[in-house]
Amino acid sequence: MAKFTDIDMGRSASIRALKNVNAFSDTVHGCEEVLIEATADFIDFISLSKFSDAIENNLQSVSEMNDGSGVFLSSWMNIADFREMISGYDQELVDMTEKWQSLGANEVQIDGFLKRSTAV
């Protein structure tokens, strides 16, 4: 099982909006992906939240970059819970999630790059 420590803190993390219907998630038109440059700070913040265990226990390696430059560790959560979690971290991101929700998103996907020396 992957852990937060398996994430490459030197590479950007990303957050994207999804609409989950009957356990199938798809991207939402008009919702741009958000890059988190300060991955270590973001993961440190997440690790202190009440959602930490759920996010970490759900970390999965499900995709990689088309050019082979990296494998993602991904986790998903309800958009309202995500907004609650980040409310003390980044108001601009909170505002973005409100926009995403108005466009139909009900879930977010958090992606970080798997450290190259880590096998999951």
Protein backbone atom coordinates (compact mmCIF):
# COMPACT_ATOMS: atom_id res chain seq x y z
CA MET A 1 0.00 0.00 0.00
CA ALA A 2 1.32 3.44 -0.95
CA LYS A 3 2.02 6.13 1.65
CA PHE A 4 2.48 9.89 1.53
CA THR A 5 6.23 9.23 1.87
CA ASP A 6 6.13 7.49 -1.55
CA ILE A 7 5.25 10.80 -3.25
CA ASP A 8 8.07 12.71 -4.95
CA MET A 9 8.02 16.03 -3.08
CA GLY A 10 10.30 17.60 -5.69
CA ARG A 11 7.66 17.41 -8.43
CA SER A 12 4.33 19.19 -8.73
CA ALA A 13 1.14 17.62 -7.45
CA SER A 14 -2.17 18.22 -9.21
CA ILE A 15 -5.83 18.41 -8.36
CA ARG A 16 -8.65 17.89 -10.82
CA ALA A 17 -12.42 18.05 -10.63
CA LEU A 18 -14.51 14.98 -11.41
CA LYS A 19 -18.15 14.02 -11.53
CA ASN A 20 -18.77 10.62 -9.97
CA VAL A 21 -21.96 8.82 -10.98
CA ASN A 22 -22.54 5.23 -9.89
CA ALA A 23 -18.84 4.69 -9.06
CA PHE A 24 -17.68 5.99 -12.47
CA SER A 25 -15.73 9.26 -12.48
CA ASP A 26 -15.22 11.56 -15.44
CA THR A 27 -13.71 15.01 -15.93
CA VAL A 28 -16.00 18.01 -15.86
CA HIS A 29 -16.00 20.38 -18.85
CA GLY A 30 -14.76 23.83 -17.89
CA CYS A 31 -12.83 22.69 -14.80
CA GLU A 32 -9.12 23.30 -15.20
CA GLU A 33 -6.53 21.18 -13.42
CA VAL A 34 -4.68 22.92 -10.60
CA LEU A 35 -0.93 22.38 -10.16
CA ILE A 36 0.51 22.49 -6.67
CA GLU A 37 4.18 23.47 -6.91
CA ALA A 38 4.83 23.22 -3.16
CA THR A 39 4.02 19.51 -2.98
CA ALA A 40 5.79 18.92 0.34
CA ASP A 41 3.86 21.74 2.03
CA PHE A 42 0.58 20.52 0.57
CA ILE A 43 1.15 16.90 1.65
CA ASP A 44 2.26 18.06 5.10
CA PHE A 45 -0.98 20.05 5.38
CA ILE A 46 -3.08 17.07 4.23
CA SER A 47 -1.29 14.73 6.64
CA LEU A 48 -2.48 16.86 9.58
CA SER A 49 -6.13 16.88 8.50
CA LYS A 50 -8.89 14.62 9.77
CA PHE A 51 -9.07 13.24 6.21
CA SER A 52 -5.43 12.13 6.19
CA ASP A 53 -6.00 8.41 6.81
CA ALA A 54 -8.74 8.14 4.19
CA ILE A 55 -6.62 9.89 1.56
CA GLU A 56 -3.47 7.91 2.31
CA ASN A 57 -5.31 4.57 2.51
CA ASN A 58 -6.78 5.25 -0.94
CA LEU A 59 -3.48 6.16 -2.66
CA GLN A 60 -3.19 4.09 -5.82
CA SER A 61 -0.92 3.92 -8.81
CA VAL A 62 -3.40 3.96 -11.70
CA SER A 63 -1.75 5.99 -14.45
CA GLU A 64 1.49 7.36 -15.80
CA MET A 65 2.65 10.15 -18.07
CA ASN A 66 2.37 9.37 -21.79
CA ASP A 67 6.06 10.11 -22.25
CA GLY A 68 7.05 7.71 -19.47
CA SER A 69 8.41 10.50 -17.28
CA GLY A 70 6.48 9.48 -14.19
CA VAL A 71 3.87 7.33 -12.51
CA PHE A 72 1.08 8.96 -10.53
CA LEU A 73 -0.12 8.11 -7.06
CA SER A 74 -3.76 9.18 -6.94
CA SER A 75 -6.46 9.51 -4.32
CA TRP A 76 -10.05 10.72 -4.56
CA MET A 77 -12.42 12.44 -2.18
CA ASN A 78 -15.76 14.19 -2.04
CA ILE A 79 -15.43 17.81 -3.17
CA ALA A 80 -17.16 19.20 -0.05
CA ASP A 81 -14.75 17.30 2.21
CA PHE A 82 -11.82 18.51 0.12
CA ARG A 83 -13.01 22.12 0.41
CA GLU A 84 -13.36 21.71 4.18
CA MET A 85 -9.87 20.23 4.39
CA ILE A 86 -8.15 23.01 2.41
CA SER A 87 -10.11 25.90 3.92
CA GLY A 88 -7.13 26.81 6.11
CA TYR A 89 -4.60 26.23 3.35
CA ASP A 90 -5.52 28.21 0.22
CA GLN A 91 -8.57 30.43 -0.25
CA GLU A 92 -8.03 30.58 -4.01
CA LEU A 93 -8.28 26.79 -4.16
CA VAL A 94 -11.42 26.89 -1.99
CA ASP A 95 -12.95 29.35 -4.47
CA MET A 96 -11.93 27.09 -7.37
CA THR A 97 -13.72 24.10 -5.81
CA GLU A 98 -16.88 26.19 -5.48
CA LYS A 99 -16.66 26.96 -9.21
CA TRP A 100 -16.05 23.29 -9.99
CA GLN A 101 -19.07 22.27 -7.95
CA SER A 102 -21.26 24.82 -9.75
CA LEU A 103 -20.17 23.13 -13.01
CA GLY A 104 -21.26 19.71 -11.73
CA ALA A 105 -18.16 18.32 -10.01
CA ASN A 106 -18.75 16.27 -6.87
CA GLU A 107 -15.29 14.71 -6.40
CA VAL A 108 -11.63 15.68 -6.65
CA GLN A 109 -8.63 13.62 -7.68
CA ILE A 110 -5.31 14.39 -6.03
CA ASP A 111 -2.24 13.24 -7.97
CA GLY A 112 1.39 13.16 -6.94
CA PHE A 113 4.32 11.55 -8.71
CA LEU A 114 5.60 8.27 -7.35
CA LYS A 115 9.25 8.46 -6.30
CA ARG A 116 11.29 6.69 -8.96
CA SER A 117 12.94 4.39 -6.43
CA THR A 118 9.62 3.29 -4.90
CA ALA A 119 7.75 0.17 -6.00
CA VAL A 120 4.05 -0.02 -5.19
